[in-house]
Amino acid sequence: MNLSNSATCGQCSRADRLRLLNAVTQFGFALSEITLFLDTHPDDPDALDYYRQMNRMYHKVSAEYEDKYGPLTQFCGQDGTIWKWASQPWPWERGFY
């Protein structure tokens, strides 16, 4: 086994995990902001389109993250067979904070 390849794979995995986590954060922030705007502009078609786009992307990257690395919150990623939230490292134990 080549240790340098192993280290590289670990770095790629960490980089991918951080990339996905950053995307979840960014799309989540965009959703929070656009919902505030929609509270005062509920009929704005551009804002509604933007909301739909950000919502779609948020769910896409969240699902990708959860498929690869486990649930983001205790409310997500539960398939009913086991309580995944408690069976994996907590988000702050994953070494990314």
PDB file of N, CA and C in Angstrom:
ATOM      1  N   MET A   1       0.847  -1.189   0.000  1.00  0.00           N
ATOM      2  CA  MET A   1       0.000   0.000   0.000  1.00  0.00           C
ATOM      3  C   MET A   1       0.880   1.235   0.000  1.00  0.00           C
ATOM      4  N   ASN A   2       0.582   2.163  -0.864  1.00  0.00           N
ATOM      5  CA  ASN A   2       1.329   3.403  -0.972  1.00  0.00           C
ATOM      6  C   ASN A   2       0.707   4.431  -0.034  1.00  0.00           C
ATOM      7  N   LEU A   3       1.455   4.827   0.987  1.00  0.00           N
ATOM      8  CA  LEU A   3       0.929   5.754   1.991  1.00  0.00           C
ATOM      9  C   LEU A   3       0.673   7.141   1.431  1.00  0.00           C
ATOM     10  N   SER A   4       1.450   7.559   0.449  1.00  0.00           N
ATOM     11  CA  SER A   4       1.228   8.894  -0.107  1.00  0.00           C
ATOM     12  C   SER A   4      -0.110   8.949  -0.831  1.00  0.00           C
ATOM     13  N   ASN A   5      -0.509   7.864  -1.514  1.00  0.00           N
ATOM     14  CA  ASN A   5      -1.825   7.840  -2.155  1.00  0.00           C
ATOM     15  C   ASN A   5      -2.927   7.841  -1.111  1.00  0.00           C
ATOM     16  N   SER A   6      -2.694   7.118  -0.012  1.00  0.00           N
ATOM     17  CA  SER A   6      -3.683   7.067   1.063  1.00  0.00           C
ATOM     18  C   SER A   6      -3.898   8.456   1.664  1.00  0.00           C
ATOM     19  N   ALA A   7      -2.811   9.180   1.894  1.00  0.00           N
ATOM     20  CA  ALA A   7      -2.923  10.528   2.445  1.00  0.00           C
ATOM     21  C   ALA A   7      -3.651  11.443   1.463  1.00  0.00           C
ATOM     22  N   THR A   8      -3.348  11.279   0.175  1.00  0.00           N
ATOM     23  CA  THR A   8      -4.003  12.104  -0.826  1.00  0.00           C
ATOM     24  C   THR A   8      -5.498  11.834  -0.854  1.00  0.00           C
ATOM     25  N   CYS A   9      -5.879  10.557  -0.779  1.00  0.00           N
ATOM     26  CA  CYS A   9      -7.304  10.216  -0.772  1.00  0.00           C
ATOM     27  C   CYS A   9      -7.985  10.817   0.448  1.00  0.00           C
ATOM     28  N   GLY A  10      -7.331  10.766   1.601  1.00  0.00           N
ATOM     29  CA  GLY A  10      -7.889  11.373   2.804  1.00  0.00           C
ATOM     30  C   GLY A  10      -8.061  12.873   2.645  1.00  0.00           C
ATOM     31  N   GLN A  11      -7.094  13.510   2.002  1.00  0.00           N
ATOM     32  CA  GLN A  11      -7.193  14.950   1.782  1.00  0.00           C
ATOM     33  C   GLN A  11      -8.308  15.277   0.800  1.00  0.00           C
ATOM     34  N   CYS A  12      -8.474  14.430  -0.228  1.00  0.00           N
ATOM     35  CA  CYS A  12      -9.558  14.642  -1.184  1.00  0.00           C
ATOM     36  C   CYS A  12     -10.904  14.481  -0.499  1.00  0.00           C
ATOM     37  N   SER A  13     -11.015  13.455   0.334  1.00  0.00           N
ATOM     38  CA  SER A  13     -12.260  13.223   1.054  1.00  0.00           C
ATOM     39  C   SER A  13     -12.571  14.410   1.965  1.00  0.00           C
ATOM     40  N   ARG A  14     -11.556  14.903   2.647  1.00  0.00           N
ATOM     41  CA  ARG A  14     -11.750  16.059   3.533  1.00  0.00           C
ATOM     42  C   ARG A  14     -12.134  17.292   2.719  1.00  0.00           C
ATOM     43  N   ALA A  15     -11.474  17.483   1.579  1.00  0.00           N
ATOM     44  CA  ALA A  15     -11.784  18.633   0.727  1.00  0.00           C
ATOM     45  C   ALA A  15     -13.204  18.536   0.181  1.00  0.00           C
ATOM     46  N   ASP A  16     -13.616  17.340  -0.213  1.00  0.00           N
ATOM     47  CA  ASP A  16     -14.972  17.155  -0.723  1.00  0.00           C
ATOM     48  C   ASP A  16     -15.994  17.407   0.377  1.00  0.00           C
ATOM     49  N   ARG A  17     -15.704  16.914   1.561  1.00  0.00           N
ATOM     50  CA  ARG A  17     -16.613  17.107   2.696  1.00  0.00           C
ATOM     51  C   ARG A  17     -16.759  18.594   3.021  1.00  0.00           C
ATOM     52  N   LEU A  18     -15.656  19.299   3.047  1.00  0.00           N
ATOM     53  CA  LEU A  18     -15.698  20.743   3.313  1.00  0.00           C
ATOM     54  C   LEU A  18     -16.416  21.494   2.199  1.00  0.00           C
ATOM     55  N   ARG A  19     -16.189  21.078   0.954  1.00  0.00           N
ATOM     56  CA  ARG A  19     -16.860  21.710  -0.186  1.00  0.00           C
ATOM     57  C   ARG A  19     -18.366  21.565  -0.043  1.00  0.00           C
ATOM     58  N   LEU A  20     -18.822  20.359   0.269  1.00  0.00           N
ATOM     59  CA  LEU A  20     -20.253  20.127   0.424  1.00  0.00           C
ATOM     60  C   LEU A  20     -20.815  20.875   1.628  1.00  0.00           C
ATOM     61  N   LEU A  21     -20.092  20.855   2.737  1.00  0.00           N
ATOM     62  CA  LEU A  21     -20.560  21.559   3.927  1.00  0.00           C
ATOM     63  C   LEU A  21     -20.652  23.064   3.679  1.00  0.00           C
ATOM     64  N   ASN A  22     -19.681  23.610   2.963  1.00  0.00           N
ATOM     65  CA  ASN A  22     -19.735  25.040   2.609  1.00  0.00           C
ATOM     66  C   ASN A  22     -20.916  25.332   1.695  1.00  0.00           C
ATOM     67  N   ALA A  23     -21.185  24.435   0.742  1.00  0.00           N
ATOM     68  CA  ALA A  23     -22.323  24.637  -0.161  1.00  0.00           C
ATOM     69  C   ALA A  23     -23.636  24.598   0.605  1.00  0.00           C
ATOM     70  N   VAL A  24     -23.769  23.660   1.541  1.00  0.00           N
ATOM     71  CA  VAL A  24     -24.981  23.590   2.370  1.00  0.00           C
ATOM     72  C   VAL A  24     -25.152  24.900   3.126  1.00  0.00           C
ATOM     73  N   THR A  25     -24.088  25.400   3.707  1.00  0.00           N
ATOM     74  CA  THR A  25     -24.138  26.651   4.468  1.00  0.00           C
ATOM     75  C   THR A  25     -24.525  27.826   3.566  1.00  0.00           C
ATOM     76  N   GLN A  26     -23.917  27.905   2.400  1.00  0.00           N
ATOM     77  CA  GLN A  26     -24.199  29.018   1.492  1.00  0.00           C
ATOM     78  C   GLN A  26     -25.633  28.994   0.981  1.00  0.00           C
ATOM     79  N   PHE A  27     -26.107  27.823   0.562  1.00  0.00           N
ATOM     80  CA  PHE A  27     -27.480  27.740   0.078  1.00  0.00           C
ATOM     81  C   PHE A  27     -28.478  27.957   1.217  1.00  0.00           C
ATOM     82  N   GLY A  28     -28.153  27.484   2.409  1.00  0.00           N
ATOM     83  CA  GLY A  28     -29.008  27.725   3.571  1.00  0.00           C
ATOM     84  C   GLY A  28     -29.108  29.201   3.893  1.00  0.00           C
ATOM     85  N   PHE A  29     -27.993  29.905   3.816  1.00  0.00           N
ATOM     86  CA  PHE A  29     -27.993  31.345   4.053  1.00  0.00           C
ATOM     87  C   PHE A  29     -28.840  32.059   3.002  1.00  0.00           C
ATOM     88  N   ALA A  30     -28.664  31.677   1.738  1.00  0.00           N
ATOM     89  CA  ALA A  30     -29.442  32.294   0.657  1.00  0.00           C
ATOM     90  C   ALA A  30     -30.939  32.067   0.878  1.00  0.00           C
ATOM     91  N   LEU A  31     -31.297  30.866   1.319  1.00  0.00           N
ATOM     92  CA  LEU A  31     -32.707  30.581   1.601  1.00  0.00           C
ATOM     93  C   LEU A  31     -33.238  31.445   2.742  1.00  0.00           C
ATOM     94  N   SER A  32     -32.452  31.592   3.784  1.00  0.00           N
ATOM     95  CA  SER A  32     -32.880  32.442   4.909  1.00  0.00           C
ATOM     96  C   SER A  32     -33.106  33.874   4.459  1.00  0.00           C
ATOM     97  N   GLU A  33     -32.196  34.386   3.652  1.00  0.00           N
ATOM     98  CA  GLU A  33     -32.301  35.768   3.181  1.00  0.00           C
ATOM     99  C   GLU A  33     -33.495  35.965   2.256  1.00  0.00           C
ATOM    100  N   ILE A  34     -33.690  35.034   1.323  1.00  0.00           N
ATOM    101  CA  ILE A  34     -34.785  35.217   0.371  1.00  0.00           C
ATOM    102  C   ILE A  34     -36.140  35.057   1.054  1.00  0.00           C
ATOM    103  N   THR A  35     -36.222  34.230   2.084  1.00  0.00           N
ATOM    104  CA  THR A  35     -37.504  34.117   2.791  1.00  0.00           C
ATOM    105  C   THR A  35     -37.830  35.414   3.533  1.00  0.00           C
ATOM    106  N   LEU A  36     -36.818  36.085   4.040  1.00  0.00           N
ATOM    107  CA  LEU A  36     -37.058  37.392   4.671  1.00  0.00           C
ATOM    108  C   LEU A  36     -37.576  38.400   3.642  1.00  0.00           C
ATOM    109  N   PHE A  37     -36.978  38.386   2.455  1.00  0.00           N
ATOM    110  CA  PHE A  37     -37.427  39.276   1.390  1.00  0.00           C
ATOM    111  C   PHE A  37     -38.854  38.936   0.976  1.00  0.00           C
ATOM    112  N   LEU A  38     -39.151  37.637   0.862  1.00  0.00           N
ATOM    113  CA  LEU A  38     -40.486  37.218   0.443  1.00  0.00           C
ATOM    114  C   LEU A  38     -41.553  37.561   1.490  1.00  0.00           C
ATOM    115  N   ASP A  39     -41.157  37.704   2.735  1.00  0.00           N
ATOM    116  CA  ASP A  39     -42.116  38.125   3.767  1.00  0.00           C
ATOM    117  C   ASP A  39     -42.718  39.492   3.447  1.00  0.00           C
ATOM    118  N   THR A  40     -41.928  40.349   2.809  1.00  0.00           N
ATOM    119  CA  THR A  40     -42.405  41.697   2.487  1.00  0.00           C
ATOM    120  C   THR A  40     -42.721  41.874   1.002  1.00  0.00           C
ATOM    121  N   HIS A  41     -42.351  40.892   0.181  1.00  0.00           N
ATOM    122  CA  HIS A  41     -42.605  40.959  -1.265  1.00  0.00           C
ATOM    123  C   HIS A  41     -43.137  39.604  -1.748  1.00  0.00           C
ATOM    124  N   PRO A  42     -44.270  39.159  -1.232  1.00  0.00           N
ATOM    125  CA  PRO A  42     -44.738  37.797  -1.511  1.00  0.00           C
ATOM    126  C   PRO A  42     -45.123  37.529  -2.967  1.00  0.00           C
ATOM    127  N   ASP A  43     -45.335  38.574  -3.758  1.00  0.00           N
ATOM    128  CA  ASP A  43     -45.756  38.388  -5.149  1.00  0.00           C
ATOM    129  C   ASP A  43     -44.634  38.612  -6.151  1.00  0.00           C
ATOM    130  N   ASP A  44     -43.414  38.763  -5.687  1.00  0.00           N
ATOM    131  CA  ASP A  44     -42.286  39.032  -6.587  1.00  0.00           C
ATOM    132  C   ASP A  44     -41.900  37.739  -7.317  1.00  0.00           C
ATOM    133  N   PRO A  45     -42.146  37.662  -8.629  1.00  0.00           N
ATOM    134  CA  PRO A  45     -41.871  36.417  -9.357  1.00  0.00           C
ATOM    135  C   PRO A  45     -40.383  36.069  -9.413  1.00  0.00           C
ATOM    136  N   ASP A  46     -39.523  37.071  -9.503  1.00  0.00           N
ATOM    137  CA  ASP A  46     -38.085  36.797  -9.531  1.00  0.00           C
ATOM    138  C   ASP A  46     -37.618  36.235  -8.193  1.00  0.00           C
ATOM    139  N   ALA A  47     -38.146  36.779  -7.116  1.00  0.00           N
ATOM    140  CA  ALA A  47     -37.775  36.284  -5.787  1.00  0.00           C
ATOM    141  C   ALA A  47     -38.271  34.854  -5.587  1.00  0.00           C
ATOM    142  N   LEU A  48     -39.470  34.567  -6.064  1.00  0.00           N
ATOM    143  CA  LEU A  48     -40.002  33.203  -5.954  1.00  0.00           C
ATOM    144  C   LEU A  48     -39.173  32.218  -6.775  1.00  0.00           C
ATOM    145  N   ASP A  49     -38.758  32.635  -7.970  1.00  0.00           N
ATOM    146  CA  ASP A  49     -37.885  31.778  -8.784  1.00  0.00           C
ATOM    147  C   ASP A  49     -36.549  31.535  -8.091  1.00  0.00           C
ATOM    148  N   TYR A  50     -35.996  32.600  -7.515  1.00  0.00           N
ATOM    149  CA  TYR A  50     -34.728  32.477  -6.798  1.00  0.00           C
ATOM    150  C   TYR A  50     -34.883  31.533  -5.601  1.00  0.00           C
ATOM    151  N   TYR A  51     -35.990  31.677  -4.873  1.00  0.00           N
ATOM    152  CA  TYR A  51     -36.256  30.786  -3.744  1.00  0.00           C
ATOM    153  C   TYR A  51     -36.295  29.330  -4.205  1.00  0.00           C
ATOM    154  N   ARG A  52     -37.018  29.062  -5.275  1.00  0.00           N
ATOM    155  CA  ARG A  52     -37.115  27.686  -5.785  1.00  0.00           C
ATOM    156  C   ARG A  52     -35.747  27.137  -6.180  1.00  0.00           C
ATOM    157  N   GLN A  53     -34.965  27.975  -6.841  1.00  0.00           N
ATOM    158  CA  GLN A  53     -33.624  27.556  -7.267  1.00  0.00           C
ATOM    159  C   GLN A  53     -32.735  27.262  -6.053  1.00  0.00           C
ATOM    160  N   MET A  54     -32.703  28.144  -5.078  1.00  0.00           N
ATOM    161  CA  MET A  54     -31.878  27.942  -3.889  1.00  0.00           C
ATOM    162  C   MET A  54     -32.369  26.740  -3.075  1.00  0.00           C
ATOM    163  N   ASN A  55     -33.669  26.564  -2.986  1.00  0.00           N
ATOM    164  CA  ASN A  55     -34.238  25.443  -2.258  1.00  0.00           C
ATOM    165  C   ASN A  55     -33.840  24.115  -2.916  1.00  0.00           C
ATOM    166  N   ARG A  56     -33.942  24.076  -4.235  1.00  0.00           N
ATOM    167  CA  ARG A  56     -33.542  22.876  -4.983  1.00  0.00           C
ATOM    168  C   ARG A  56     -32.063  22.558  -4.761  1.00  0.00           C
ATOM    169  N   MET A  57     -31.219  23.583  -4.851  1.00  0.00           N
ATOM    170  CA  MET A  57     -29.778  23.371  -4.679  1.00  0.00           C
ATOM    171  C   MET A  57     -29.447  22.991  -3.238  1.00  0.00           C
ATOM    172  N   TYR A  58     -30.118  23.609  -2.275  1.00  0.00           N
ATOM    173  CA  TYR A  58     -29.893  23.277  -0.869  1.00  0.00           C
ATOM    174  C   TYR A  58     -30.201  21.804  -0.614  1.00  0.00           C
ATOM    175  N   HIS A  59     -31.324  21.345  -1.112  1.00  0.00           N
ATOM    176  CA  HIS A  59     -31.703  19.948  -0.901  1.00  0.00           C
ATOM    177  C   HIS A  59     -30.778  18.995  -1.653  1.00  0.00           C
ATOM    178  N   LYS A  60     -30.306  19.409  -2.812  1.00  0.00           N
ATOM    179  CA  LYS A  60     -29.388  18.573  -3.589  1.00  0.00           C
ATOM    180  C   LYS A  60     -28.066  18.382  -2.844  1.00  0.00           C
ATOM    181  N   VAL A  61     -27.446  19.477  -2.399  1.00  0.00           N
ATOM    182  CA  VAL A  61     -26.150  19.350  -1.726  1.00  0.00           C
ATOM    183  C   VAL A  61     -26.297  18.733  -0.338  1.00  0.00           C
ATOM    184  N   SER A  62     -27.421  19.000   0.328  1.00  0.00           N
ATOM    185  CA  SER A  62     -27.660  18.369   1.629  1.00  0.00           C
ATOM    186  C   SER A  62     -27.778  16.861   1.481  1.00  0.00           C
ATOM    187  N   ALA A  63     -28.521  16.415   0.478  1.00  0.00           N
ATOM    188  CA  ALA A  63     -28.679  14.978   0.239  1.00  0.00           C
ATOM    189  C   ALA A  63     -27.347  14.340  -0.132  1.00  0.00           C
ATOM    190  N   GLU A  64     -26.561  15.028  -0.946  1.00  0.00           N
ATOM    191  CA  GLU A  64     -25.246  14.491  -1.320  1.00  0.00           C
ATOM    192  C   GLU A  64     -24.341  14.364  -0.094  1.00  0.00           C
ATOM    193  N   TYR A  65     -24.336  15.401   0.746  1.00  0.00           N
ATOM    194  CA  TYR A  65     -23.532  15.350   1.962  1.00  0.00           C
ATOM    195  C   TYR A  65     -23.986  14.190   2.848  1.00  0.00           C
ATOM    196  N   GLU A  66     -25.283  14.075   3.076  1.00  0.00           N
ATOM    197  CA  GLU A  66     -25.803  13.036   3.968  1.00  0.00           C
ATOM    198  C   GLU A  66     -25.570  11.631   3.414  1.00  0.00           C
ATOM    199  N   ASP A  67     -25.640  11.474   2.099  1.00  0.00           N
ATOM    200  CA  ASP A  67     -25.345  10.170   1.501  1.00  0.00           C
ATOM    201  C   ASP A  67     -23.901   9.760   1.744  1.00  0.00           C
ATOM    202  N   LYS A  68     -23.001  10.730   1.683  1.00  0.00           N
ATOM    203  CA  LYS A  68     -21.575  10.428   1.827  1.00  0.00           C
ATOM    204  C   LYS A  68     -21.102  10.409   3.273  1.00  0.00           C
ATOM    205  N   TYR A  69     -21.620  11.327   4.108  1.00  0.00           N
ATOM    206  CA  TYR A  69     -21.016  11.558   5.417  1.00  0.00           C
ATOM    207  C   TYR A  69     -21.963  11.457   6.608  1.00  0.00           C
ATOM    208  N   GLY A  70     -23.245  11.235   6.375  1.00  0.00           N
ATOM    209  CA  GLY A  70     -24.186  11.110   7.482  1.00  0.00           C
ATOM    210  C   GLY A  70     -25.033  12.352   7.650  1.00  0.00           C
ATOM    211  N   PRO A  71     -25.997  12.293   8.564  1.00  0.00           N
ATOM    212  CA  PRO A  71     -26.957  13.388   8.723  1.00  0.00           C
ATOM    213  C   PRO A  71     -26.306  14.692   9.174  1.00  0.00           C
ATOM    214  N   LEU A  72     -26.836  15.779   8.646  1.00  0.00           N
ATOM    215  CA  LEU A  72     -26.384  17.120   9.039  1.00  0.00           C
ATOM    216  C   LEU A  72     -26.997  17.554  10.363  1.00  0.00           C
ATOM    217  N   THR A  73     -28.221  17.142  10.597  1.00  0.00           N
ATOM    218  CA  THR A  73     -28.917  17.464  11.845  1.00  0.00           C
ATOM    219  C   THR A  73     -29.663  16.228  12.319  1.00  0.00           C
ATOM    220  N   GLN A  74     -30.183  16.304  13.512  1.00  0.00           N
ATOM    221  CA  GLN A  74     -30.948  15.173  14.035  1.00  0.00           C
ATOM    222  C   GLN A  74     -32.284  15.006  13.318  1.00  0.00           C
ATOM    223  N   PHE A  75     -32.684  15.969  12.506  1.00  0.00           N
ATOM    224  CA  PHE A  75     -33.964  15.919  11.795  1.00  0.00           C
ATOM    225  C   PHE A  75     -33.840  15.341  10.392  1.00  0.00           C
ATOM    226  N   CYS A  76     -32.627  15.042   9.954  1.00  0.00           N
ATOM    227  CA  CYS A  76     -32.395  14.623   8.578  1.00  0.00           C
ATOM    228  C   CYS A  76     -31.773  13.238   8.504  1.00  0.00           C
ATOM    229  N   GLY A  77     -31.920  12.637   7.347  1.00  0.00           N
ATOM    230  CA  GLY A  77     -31.194  11.434   7.022  1.00  0.00           C
ATOM    231  C   GLY A  77     -31.567  10.194   7.799  1.00  0.00           C
ATOM    232  N   GLN A  78     -32.767  10.120   8.278  1.00  0.00           N
ATOM    233  CA  GLN A  78     -33.190   8.940   9.030  1.00  0.00           C
ATOM    234  C   GLN A  78     -34.013   8.045   8.108  1.00  0.00           C
ATOM    235  N   ASP A  79     -33.560   6.789   7.966  1.00  0.00           N
ATOM    236  CA  ASP A  79     -34.291   5.872   7.088  1.00  0.00           C
ATOM    237  C   ASP A  79     -35.202   4.919   7.856  1.00  0.00           C
ATOM    238  N   GLY A  80     -35.252   5.043   9.158  1.00  0.00           N
ATOM    239  CA  GLY A  80     -36.169   4.243   9.944  1.00  0.00           C
ATOM    240  C   GLY A  80     -35.603   2.956  10.500  1.00  0.00           C
ATOM    241  N   THR A  81     -34.417   2.524  10.054  1.00  0.00           N
ATOM    242  CA  THR A  81     -33.868   1.273  10.570  1.00  0.00           C
ATOM    243  C   THR A  81     -32.987   1.476  11.797  1.00  0.00           C
ATOM    244  N   ILE A  82     -32.218   2.558  11.819  1.00  0.00           N
ATOM    245  CA  ILE A  82     -31.399   2.909  12.987  1.00  0.00           C
ATOM    246  C   ILE A  82     -31.405   4.423  13.144  1.00  0.00           C
ATOM    247  N   TRP A  83     -31.111   4.891  14.341  1.00  0.00           N
ATOM    248  CA  TRP A  83     -31.011   6.325  14.612  1.00  0.00           C
ATOM    249  C   TRP A  83     -29.593   6.761  14.274  1.00  0.00           C
ATOM    250  N   LYS A  84     -29.394   7.201  13.015  1.00  0.00           N
ATOM    251  CA  LYS A  84     -28.059   7.519  12.504  1.00  0.00           C
ATOM    252  C   LYS A  84     -27.392   8.668  13.255  1.00  0.00           C
ATOM    253  N   TRP A  85     -28.183   9.601  13.734  1.00  0.00           N
ATOM    254  CA  TRP A  85     -27.608  10.777  14.392  1.00  0.00           C
ATOM    255  C   TRP A  85     -26.722  10.374  15.565  1.00  0.00           C
ATOM    256  N   ALA A  86     -27.151   9.400  16.328  1.00  0.00           N
ATOM    257  CA  ALA A  86     -26.405   8.989  17.518  1.00  0.00           C
ATOM    258  C   ALA A  86     -25.343   7.934  17.213  1.00  0.00           C
ATOM    259  N   SER A  87     -25.382   7.334  16.042  1.00  0.00           N
ATOM    260  CA  SER A  87     -24.448   6.248  15.736  1.00  0.00           C
ATOM    261  C   SER A  87     -23.210   6.714  14.984  1.00  0.00           C
ATOM    262  N   GLN A  88     -23.125   7.991  14.669  1.00  0.00           N
ATOM    263  CA  GLN A  88     -21.978   8.550  13.959  1.00  0.00           C
ATOM    264  C   GLN A  88     -21.400   9.684  14.789  1.00  0.00           C
ATOM    265  N   PRO A  89     -20.164  10.109  14.457  1.00  0.00           N
ATOM    266  CA  PRO A  89     -19.592  11.241  15.204  1.00  0.00           C
ATOM    267  C   PRO A  89     -20.474  12.485  15.062  1.00  0.00           C
ATOM    268  N   TRP A  90     -20.583  13.239  16.131  1.00  0.00           N
ATOM    269  CA  TRP A  90     -21.328  14.494  16.096  1.00  0.00           C
ATOM    270  C   TRP A  90     -20.620  15.454  15.131  1.00  0.00           C
ATOM    271  N   PRO A  91     -21.325  16.421  14.561  1.00  0.00           N
ATOM    272  CA  PRO A  91     -20.682  17.328  13.605  1.00  0.00           C
ATOM    273  C   PRO A  91     -19.408  17.978  14.161  1.00  0.00           C
ATOM    274  N   TRP A  92     -19.395  18.351  15.422  1.00  0.00           N
ATOM    275  CA  TRP A  92     -18.219  19.011  16.000  1.00  0.00           C
ATOM    276  C   TRP A  92     -17.103  18.009  16.325  1.00  0.00           C
ATOM    277  N   GLU A  93     -17.381  16.732  16.252  1.00  0.00           N
ATOM    278  CA  GLU A  93     -16.362  15.701  16.470  1.00  0.00           C
ATOM    279  C   GLU A  93     -15.727  15.235  15.159  1.00  0.00           C
ATOM    280  N   ARG A  94     -16.164  15.776  14.071  1.00  0.00           N
ATOM    281  CA  ARG A  94     -15.690  15.322  12.761  1.00  0.00           C
ATOM    282  C   ARG A  94     -14.408  16.020  12.328  1.00  0.00           C
ATOM    283  N   GLY A  95     -13.917  16.947  13.130  1.00  0.00           N
ATOM    284  CA  GLY A  95     -12.647  17.586  12.835  1.00  0.00           C
ATOM    285  C   GLY A  95     -12.702  18.713  11.827  1.00  0.00           C
ATOM    286  N   PHE A  96     -13.853  19.328  11.645  1.00  0.00           N
ATOM    287  CA  PHE A  96     -13.966  20.398  10.662  1.00  0.00           C
ATOM    288  C   PHE A  96     -14.225  21.749  11.279  1.00  0.00           C
ATOM    289  N   TYR A  97     -14.265  21.808  12.614  1.00  0.00           N
ATOM    290  CA  TYR A  97     -14.576  23.072  13.269  1.00  0.00           C
ATOM    291  C   TYR A  97     -13.410  23.513  14.099  1.00  0.00           C
TER     292      TYR A  97
END
